[in-house]
């Protein structure tokens, strides 16, 4: 999956949880402030990200630093998607 695809999908997910009415996200925006999300929203977003991208977010990475910026979460998802083992055809 390309970074552009990840950014597009993440934008869609994040804007659904926005409490501030913003319509776009800048790469360096602090997502907690820009979206007005709280910790419960953060958990819901992480679950949706895991389901959407087929990744598992490590327990060590479960903190609000992951939401420090749009670029941070995009890079994290991109790296997780590219670390997945290819599935063998049986």
N, C-alpha and C. Protein backbone atom coordinates (compact mmCIF):
# COMPACT_ATOMS: atom_id res chain seq x y z
N UNK A 1 0.84 -1.17 0.00
CA UNK A 1 0.00 0.00 0.00
C UNK A 1 0.89 1.24 0.00
N UNK A 2 0.54 2.19 -0.82
CA UNK A 2 1.35 3.40 -0.93
C UNK A 2 1.02 4.39 0.18
N UNK A 3 1.92 5.31 0.40
CA UNK A 3 1.71 6.35 1.42
C UNK A 3 0.49 7.19 1.07
N UNK A 4 0.30 7.48 -0.20
CA UNK A 4 -0.85 8.29 -0.62
C UNK A 4 -2.17 7.58 -0.29
N UNK A 5 -2.22 6.27 -0.52
CA UNK A 5 -3.42 5.50 -0.19
C UNK A 5 -3.66 5.52 1.33
N UNK A 6 -2.61 5.35 2.09
CA UNK A 6 -2.72 5.36 3.55
C UNK A 6 -3.20 6.73 4.03
N UNK A 7 -2.62 7.80 3.49
CA UNK A 7 -3.02 9.14 3.89
C UNK A 7 -4.50 9.39 3.59
N UNK A 8 -4.94 8.95 2.45
CA UNK A 8 -6.34 9.15 2.06
C UNK A 8 -7.28 8.39 2.99
N UNK A 9 -6.95 7.14 3.26
CA UNK A 9 -7.80 6.31 4.12
C UNK A 9 -7.79 6.83 5.56
N UNK A 10 -6.61 7.22 6.06
CA UNK A 10 -6.52 7.76 7.41
C UNK A 10 -7.28 9.08 7.55
N UNK A 11 -7.20 9.92 6.53
CA UNK A 11 -7.94 11.18 6.56
C UNK A 11 -9.42 10.91 6.72
N UNK A 12 -9.92 9.98 5.96
CA UNK A 12 -11.33 9.63 6.03
C UNK A 12 -11.71 9.12 7.43
N UNK A 13 -10.90 8.25 7.98
CA UNK A 13 -11.16 7.72 9.33
C UNK A 13 -11.13 8.85 10.35
N UNK A 14 -10.09 9.65 10.33
CA UNK A 14 -9.90 10.69 11.34
C UNK A 14 -10.98 11.76 11.28
N UNK A 15 -11.38 12.15 10.09
CA UNK A 15 -12.39 13.21 9.98
C UNK A 15 -13.75 12.75 10.49
N UNK A 16 -14.02 11.44 10.44
CA UNK A 16 -15.27 10.92 10.99
C UNK A 16 -15.33 11.12 12.51
N UNK A 17 -14.18 11.19 13.15
CA UNK A 17 -14.14 11.35 14.60
C UNK A 17 -13.95 12.79 15.05
N UNK A 18 -13.80 13.69 14.10
CA UNK A 18 -13.54 15.09 14.43
C UNK A 18 -14.71 15.71 15.20
N UNK A 19 -14.36 16.43 16.24
CA UNK A 19 -15.36 17.16 17.03
C UNK A 19 -15.24 18.66 16.77
N UNK A 20 -14.34 19.04 15.87
CA UNK A 20 -14.10 20.46 15.65
C UNK A 20 -14.66 20.96 14.32
N UNK A 21 -15.14 20.06 13.48
CA UNK A 21 -15.72 20.47 12.21
C UNK A 21 -14.71 20.76 11.12
N UNK A 22 -13.43 20.41 11.33
CA UNK A 22 -12.45 20.67 10.27
C UNK A 22 -12.74 19.75 9.09
N UNK A 23 -12.33 20.19 7.91
CA UNK A 23 -12.61 19.40 6.71
C UNK A 23 -11.34 18.85 6.06
N UNK A 24 -10.17 19.24 6.56
CA UNK A 24 -8.92 18.70 6.04
C UNK A 24 -7.90 18.67 7.17
N UNK A 25 -6.89 17.84 6.96
CA UNK A 25 -5.85 17.68 7.99
C UNK A 25 -4.50 17.98 7.37
N UNK A 26 -3.73 18.84 8.03
CA UNK A 26 -2.38 19.16 7.60
C UNK A 26 -1.42 18.14 8.21
N UNK A 27 -0.35 17.83 7.51
CA UNK A 27 0.60 16.82 7.95
C UNK A 27 1.18 17.02 9.33
N UNK A 28 1.35 18.26 9.75
CA UNK A 28 1.95 18.53 11.05
C UNK A 28 0.94 18.87 12.13
N UNK A 29 -0.35 18.81 11.80
CA UNK A 29 -1.37 19.11 12.79
C UNK A 29 -1.31 18.15 13.96
N UNK A 30 -1.43 18.67 15.15
CA UNK A 30 -1.60 17.85 16.35
C UNK A 30 -3.03 17.33 16.29
N UNK A 31 -3.20 16.04 16.14
CA UNK A 31 -4.52 15.48 15.90
C UNK A 31 -5.45 15.61 17.10
N UNK A 32 -4.90 15.55 18.29
CA UNK A 32 -5.74 15.69 19.48
C UNK A 32 -6.38 17.08 19.51
N UNK A 33 -5.59 18.08 19.21
CA UNK A 33 -6.09 19.46 19.21
C UNK A 33 -6.94 19.73 17.97
N UNK A 34 -6.45 19.37 16.80
CA UNK A 34 -7.15 19.66 15.55
C UNK A 34 -8.51 18.99 15.46
N UNK A 35 -8.57 17.74 15.93
CA UNK A 35 -9.82 16.99 15.84
C UNK A 35 -10.67 17.09 17.09
N UNK A 36 -10.05 17.53 18.18
CA UNK A 36 -10.79 17.61 19.44
C UNK A 36 -11.11 16.25 20.02
N UNK A 37 -10.25 15.26 19.76
CA UNK A 37 -10.52 13.90 20.22
C UNK A 37 -10.03 13.70 21.65
N UNK A 38 -10.68 12.78 22.33
CA UNK A 38 -10.25 12.42 23.67
C UNK A 38 -9.69 11.00 23.64
N UNK A 39 -9.34 10.45 24.80
CA UNK A 39 -8.70 9.14 24.84
C UNK A 39 -9.63 8.03 24.34
N UNK A 40 -10.93 8.13 24.60
CA UNK A 40 -11.87 7.12 24.10
C UNK A 40 -11.95 7.17 22.58
N UNK A 41 -11.98 8.37 22.01
CA UNK A 41 -11.94 8.51 20.55
C UNK A 41 -10.66 7.89 20.00
N UNK A 42 -9.56 8.13 20.70
CA UNK A 42 -8.27 7.58 20.27
C UNK A 42 -8.31 6.07 20.17
N UNK A 43 -8.92 5.42 21.16
CA UNK A 43 -9.03 3.97 21.14
C UNK A 43 -9.90 3.52 19.97
N UNK A 44 -11.02 4.20 19.75
CA UNK A 44 -11.90 3.85 18.63
C UNK A 44 -11.18 4.01 17.30
N UNK A 45 -10.41 5.07 17.17
CA UNK A 45 -9.65 5.30 15.94
C UNK A 45 -8.62 4.19 15.74
N UNK A 46 -7.91 3.83 16.81
CA UNK A 46 -6.90 2.78 16.69
C UNK A 46 -7.51 1.45 16.28
N UNK A 47 -8.66 1.12 16.83
CA UNK A 47 -9.35 -0.12 16.44
C UNK A 47 -9.72 -0.08 14.97
N UNK A 48 -10.26 1.04 14.52
CA UNK A 48 -10.63 1.17 13.11
C UNK A 48 -9.40 1.11 12.20
N UNK A 49 -8.30 1.73 12.63
CA UNK A 49 -7.06 1.68 11.85
C UNK A 49 -6.57 0.24 11.73
N UNK A 50 -6.59 -0.49 12.85
CA UNK A 50 -6.16 -1.89 12.81
C UNK A 50 -7.02 -2.71 11.86
N UNK A 51 -8.32 -2.52 11.93
CA UNK A 51 -9.23 -3.27 11.06
C UNK A 51 -9.09 -2.87 9.60
N UNK A 52 -8.98 -1.60 9.35
CA UNK A 52 -8.90 -1.09 7.97
C UNK A 52 -7.62 -1.54 7.28
N UNK A 53 -6.51 -1.48 7.99
CA UNK A 53 -5.22 -1.77 7.38
C UNK A 53 -4.71 -3.18 7.66
N UNK A 54 -5.44 -3.93 8.47
CA UNK A 54 -5.02 -5.30 8.77
C UNK A 54 -3.71 -5.37 9.53
N UNK A 55 -3.53 -4.41 10.43
CA UNK A 55 -2.30 -4.37 11.23
C UNK A 55 -2.66 -4.52 12.70
N UNK A 56 -1.66 -4.75 13.51
CA UNK A 56 -1.82 -4.79 14.95
C UNK A 56 -0.88 -3.74 15.54
N UNK A 57 -1.45 -2.81 16.29
CA UNK A 57 -0.64 -1.77 16.90
C UNK A 57 -0.06 -2.33 18.20
N UNK A 58 1.25 -2.32 18.29
CA UNK A 58 1.94 -2.87 19.45
C UNK A 58 1.53 -2.15 20.72
N UNK A 59 1.42 -2.92 21.82
CA UNK A 59 1.06 -2.32 23.11
C UNK A 59 2.02 -1.20 23.50
N UNK A 60 3.29 -1.36 23.17
CA UNK A 60 4.28 -0.33 23.49
C UNK A 60 4.03 0.98 22.75
N UNK A 61 3.29 0.90 21.64
CA UNK A 61 3.03 2.09 20.83
C UNK A 61 1.69 2.74 21.15
N UNK A 62 0.93 2.13 22.06
CA UNK A 62 -0.39 2.65 22.40
C UNK A 62 -0.26 3.82 23.36
N UNK A 63 -0.10 5.00 22.79
CA UNK A 63 -0.05 6.23 23.58
C UNK A 63 -0.42 7.41 22.69
N UNK A 64 -0.62 8.53 23.30
CA UNK A 64 -1.07 9.70 22.54
C UNK A 64 0.02 10.27 21.64
N UNK A 65 1.27 9.82 21.80
CA UNK A 65 2.33 10.28 20.89
C UNK A 65 2.04 9.85 19.46
N UNK A 66 1.32 8.74 19.32
CA UNK A 66 0.96 8.27 18.00
C UNK A 66 0.07 9.29 17.28
N UNK A 67 -0.64 10.11 18.06
CA UNK A 67 -1.51 11.15 17.51
C UNK A 67 -0.85 12.52 17.52
N UNK A 68 0.47 12.56 17.71
CA UNK A 68 1.14 13.86 17.80
C UNK A 68 1.04 14.64 16.50
N UNK A 69 0.91 13.94 15.37
CA UNK A 69 0.68 14.62 14.09
C UNK A 69 0.13 13.61 13.09
N UNK A 70 -0.47 14.13 12.06
CA UNK A 70 -0.98 13.28 10.98
C UNK A 70 0.18 12.51 10.35
N UNK A 71 1.31 13.18 10.15
CA UNK A 71 2.47 12.51 9.57
C UNK A 71 2.94 11.34 10.43
N UNK A 72 2.89 11.50 11.76
CA UNK A 72 3.33 10.45 12.66
C UNK A 72 2.49 9.19 12.51
N UNK A 73 1.18 9.34 12.51
CA UNK A 73 0.33 8.17 12.39
C UNK A 73 0.40 7.56 10.99
N UNK A 74 0.54 8.40 9.96
CA UNK A 74 0.71 7.88 8.59
C UNK A 74 1.98 7.06 8.47
N UNK A 75 3.07 7.58 8.99
CA UNK A 75 4.34 6.85 8.93
C UNK A 75 4.27 5.55 9.71
N UNK A 76 3.62 5.57 10.85
CA UNK A 76 3.48 4.36 11.66
C UNK A 76 2.70 3.30 10.88
N UNK A 77 1.57 3.67 10.32
CA UNK A 77 0.75 2.71 9.57
C UNK A 77 1.51 2.21 8.34
N UNK A 78 2.18 3.10 7.65
CA UNK A 78 2.96 2.71 6.47
C UNK A 78 4.01 1.68 6.85
N UNK A 79 4.74 1.93 7.94
CA UNK A 79 5.77 0.99 8.39
C UNK A 79 5.17 -0.34 8.81
N UNK A 80 4.06 -0.31 9.51
CA UNK A 80 3.41 -1.55 9.94
C UNK A 80 2.91 -2.35 8.73
N UNK A 81 2.35 -1.67 7.76
CA UNK A 81 1.86 -2.36 6.55
C UNK A 81 3.01 -3.01 5.79
N UNK A 82 4.14 -2.37 5.77
CA UNK A 82 5.28 -2.90 5.02
C UNK A 82 6.08 -3.94 5.79
N UNK A 83 5.81 -4.10 7.08
CA UNK A 83 6.50 -5.12 7.88
C UNK A 83 5.74 -6.44 7.90
N UNK A 84 4.49 -6.41 7.46
CA UNK A 84 3.69 -7.62 7.50
C UNK A 84 4.30 -8.70 6.63
N UNK A 85 4.21 -9.91 7.12
CA UNK A 85 4.72 -11.06 6.36
C UNK A 85 3.80 -11.28 5.16
N UNK A 86 4.38 -11.53 4.00
CA UNK A 86 3.51 -11.87 2.87
C UNK A 86 2.82 -13.20 3.12
N UNK A 87 1.57 -13.27 2.74
CA UNK A 87 0.82 -14.51 2.93
C UNK A 87 1.18 -15.50 1.84
N UNK A 88 1.36 -16.75 2.26
CA UNK A 88 1.68 -17.78 1.29
C UNK A 88 0.41 -18.32 0.68
N UNK A 89 0.46 -18.58 -0.57
CA UNK A 89 -0.67 -19.20 -1.27
C UNK A 89 -0.60 -20.70 -1.01
N UNK A 90 -1.72 -21.25 -0.55
CA UNK A 90 -1.73 -22.69 -0.28
C UNK A 90 -2.67 -23.39 -1.22
